[in-house]
Amino acid sequence: MRLHKNTAFCLNILAVSAKQFNLYCIFVIEFDDMFEFDQYLGFLAFLSILTIGFWLMIFLLTFVIPYWLFGAAKEWLMERQAAKKSLK
């Protein structure tokens, strides 16, 4: 059996004919380069941006937003207490 030079493997199956078993190569899978170099760089850029965005979102949700909310609540309470003291 002669295969294409870039063929990684040939999938063989057992096919049943009327009275005999024949081994057929039903298709040949060729593995050329999965990505060209510029596509590979684009894929790496996409993964980098996705990863940076993921960690930025984790940072914002776990540190920045709670810090902002608790700081705003603390400031609001301090202003409220100052307003009560000024009325007395």
C-alpha atoms as a PDB file:
ATOM      1  CA  MET A   1       0.000   0.000   0.000  1.00  0.00           C
ATOM      2  CA  ARG A   2       1.435   3.364  -1.027  1.00  0.00           C
ATOM      3  CA  LEU A   3       0.556   6.330   1.170  1.00  0.00           C
ATOM      4  CA  HIS A   4       0.923  10.044   0.728  1.00  0.00           C
ATOM      5  CA  LYS A   5       4.204  11.399   2.134  1.00  0.00           C
ATOM      6  CA  ASN A   6       2.443  13.464   4.835  1.00  0.00           C
ATOM      7  CA  THR A   7       0.112  10.702   5.883  1.00  0.00           C
ATOM      8  CA  ALA A   8       0.340   9.887   9.556  1.00  0.00           C
ATOM      9  CA  PHE A   9      -1.841   6.836   9.465  1.00  0.00           C
ATOM     10  CA  CYS A  10      -4.459   5.066   7.468  1.00  0.00           C
ATOM     11  CA  LEU A  11      -7.632   3.949   9.201  1.00  0.00           C
ATOM     12  CA  ASN A  12      -8.477   0.392   8.316  1.00  0.00           C
ATOM     13  CA  ILE A  13     -11.795  -1.247   9.001  1.00  0.00           C
ATOM     14  CA  LEU A  14     -13.156  -4.700   8.513  1.00  0.00           C
ATOM     15  CA  ALA A  15     -15.908  -4.598   5.935  1.00  0.00           C
ATOM     16  CA  VAL A  16     -18.253  -7.502   5.445  1.00  0.00           C
ATOM     17  CA  SER A  17     -19.050  -8.449   1.901  1.00  0.00           C
ATOM     18  CA  ALA A  18     -21.337 -11.249   0.885  1.00  0.00           C
ATOM     19  CA  LYS A  19     -19.074 -14.224   1.818  1.00  0.00           C
ATOM     20  CA  GLN A  20     -15.725 -12.818   2.789  1.00  0.00           C
ATOM     21  CA  PHE A  21     -13.974 -10.226   4.944  1.00  0.00           C
ATOM     22  CA  ASN A  22     -12.024  -7.540   3.180  1.00  0.00           C
ATOM     23  CA  LEU A  23      -9.746  -4.967   4.740  1.00  0.00           C
ATOM     24  CA  TYR A  24     -10.333  -1.555   3.237  1.00  0.00           C
ATOM     25  CA  CYS A  25      -8.626   1.727   3.777  1.00  0.00           C
ATOM     26  CA  ILE A  26     -11.651   3.995   3.950  1.00  0.00           C
ATOM     27  CA  PHE A  27      -9.833   7.291   4.209  1.00  0.00           C
ATOM     28  CA  VAL A  28      -6.413   8.753   4.656  1.00  0.00           C
ATOM     29  CA  ILE A  29      -5.850  11.506   7.208  1.00  0.00           C
ATOM     30  CA  GLU A  30      -3.115  13.899   6.259  1.00  0.00           C
ATOM     31  CA  PHE A  31      -1.397  15.929   8.918  1.00  0.00           C
ATOM     32  CA  ASP A  32       0.147  18.937   7.285  1.00  0.00           C
ATOM     33  CA  ASP A  33       1.269  21.768   9.519  1.00  0.00           C
ATOM     34  CA  MET A  34      -1.537  22.380  11.982  1.00  0.00           C
ATOM     35  CA  PHE A  35      -0.876  26.131  12.012  1.00  0.00           C
ATOM     36  CA  GLU A  36       1.265  28.300   9.861  1.00  0.00           C
ATOM     37  CA  PHE A  37       3.634  30.527  11.785  1.00  0.00           C
ATOM     38  CA  ASP A  38       1.510  33.687  11.572  1.00  0.00           C
ATOM     39  CA  GLN A  39      -1.578  31.744  12.649  1.00  0.00           C
ATOM     40  CA  TYR A  40       0.406  30.313  15.545  1.00  0.00           C
ATOM     41  CA  LEU A  41       1.433  33.831  16.633  1.00  0.00           C
ATOM     42  CA  GLY A  42      -2.178  34.982  16.389  1.00  0.00           C
ATOM     43  CA  PHE A  43      -3.305  32.028  18.484  1.00  0.00           C
ATOM     44  CA  LEU A  44      -0.659  32.805  21.110  1.00  0.00           C
ATOM     45  CA  ALA A  45      -1.731  36.467  21.140  1.00  0.00           C
ATOM     46  CA  PHE A  46      -5.356  35.386  21.599  1.00  0.00           C
ATOM     47  CA  LEU A  47      -4.440  33.085  24.499  1.00  0.00           C
ATOM     48  CA  SER A  48      -2.317  35.816  26.086  1.00  0.00           C
ATOM     49  CA  ILE A  49      -5.102  38.397  25.893  1.00  0.00           C
ATOM     50  CA  LEU A  50      -7.630  35.872  27.189  1.00  0.00           C
ATOM     51  CA  THR A  51      -5.373  34.955  30.125  1.00  0.00           C
ATOM     52  CA  ILE A  52      -4.628  38.586  30.974  1.00  0.00           C
ATOM     53  CA  GLY A  53      -8.353  39.366  30.872  1.00  0.00           C
ATOM     54  CA  PHE A  54      -9.160  36.398  33.096  1.00  0.00           C
ATOM     55  CA  TRP A  55      -6.653  37.370  35.780  1.00  0.00           C
ATOM     56  CA  LEU A  56      -7.657  41.037  35.554  1.00  0.00           C
ATOM     57  CA  MET A  57     -11.282  40.065  36.152  1.00  0.00           C
ATOM     58  CA  ILE A  58     -10.282  37.898  39.121  1.00  0.00           C
ATOM     59  CA  PHE A  59      -8.238  40.803  40.550  1.00  0.00           C
ATOM     60  CA  LEU A  60     -11.107  43.251  40.077  1.00  0.00           C
ATOM     61  CA  LEU A  61     -13.715  40.953  41.612  1.00  0.00           C
ATOM     62  CA  THR A  62     -11.629  39.927  44.608  1.00  0.00           C
ATOM     63  CA  PHE A  63      -9.776  43.131  45.502  1.00  0.00           C
ATOM     64  CA  VAL A  64     -10.677  46.352  43.691  1.00  0.00           C
ATOM     65  CA  ILE A  65     -14.480  46.188  43.799  1.00  0.00           C
ATOM     66  CA  PRO A  66     -14.713  45.078  47.474  1.00  0.00           C
ATOM     67  CA  TYR A  67     -12.131  47.743  48.423  1.00  0.00           C
ATOM     68  CA  TRP A  68     -14.176  50.383  46.622  1.00  0.00           C
ATOM     69  CA  LEU A  69     -17.489  49.234  48.146  1.00  0.00           C
ATOM     70  CA  PHE A  70     -16.201  49.004  51.736  1.00  0.00           C
ATOM     71  CA  GLY A  71     -14.352  52.301  51.382  1.00  0.00           C
ATOM     72  CA  ALA A  72     -17.477  54.038  50.063  1.00  0.00           C
ATOM     73  CA  ALA A  73     -19.606  52.530  52.859  1.00  0.00           C
ATOM     74  CA  LYS A  74     -17.057  53.581  55.509  1.00  0.00           C
ATOM     75  CA  GLU A  75     -16.906  57.111  54.133  1.00  0.00           C
ATOM     76  CA  TRP A  76     -20.705  57.315  54.004  1.00  0.00           C
ATOM     77  CA  LEU A  77     -20.956  56.190  57.650  1.00  0.00           C
ATOM     78  CA  MET A  78     -18.318  58.721  58.730  1.00  0.00           C
ATOM     79  CA  GLU A  79     -20.153  61.542  56.921  1.00  0.00           C
ATOM     80  CA  ARG A  80     -23.440  60.454  58.489  1.00  0.00           C
ATOM     81  CA  GLN A  81     -21.897  60.465  61.970  1.00  0.00           C
ATOM     82  CA  ALA A  82     -20.353  63.888  61.314  1.00  0.00           C
ATOM     83  CA  ALA A  83     -23.750  65.211  60.190  1.00  0.00           C
ATOM     84  CA  LYS A  84     -25.387  63.884  63.389  1.00  0.00           C
ATOM     85  CA  LYS A  85     -22.683  65.520  65.548  1.00  0.00           C
ATOM     86  CA  SER A  86     -23.095  68.846  63.771  1.00  0.00           C
ATOM     87  CA  LEU A  87     -26.860  68.864  64.417  1.00  0.00           C
ATOM     88  CA  LYS A  88     -26.359  68.479  68.192  1.00  0.00           C
END
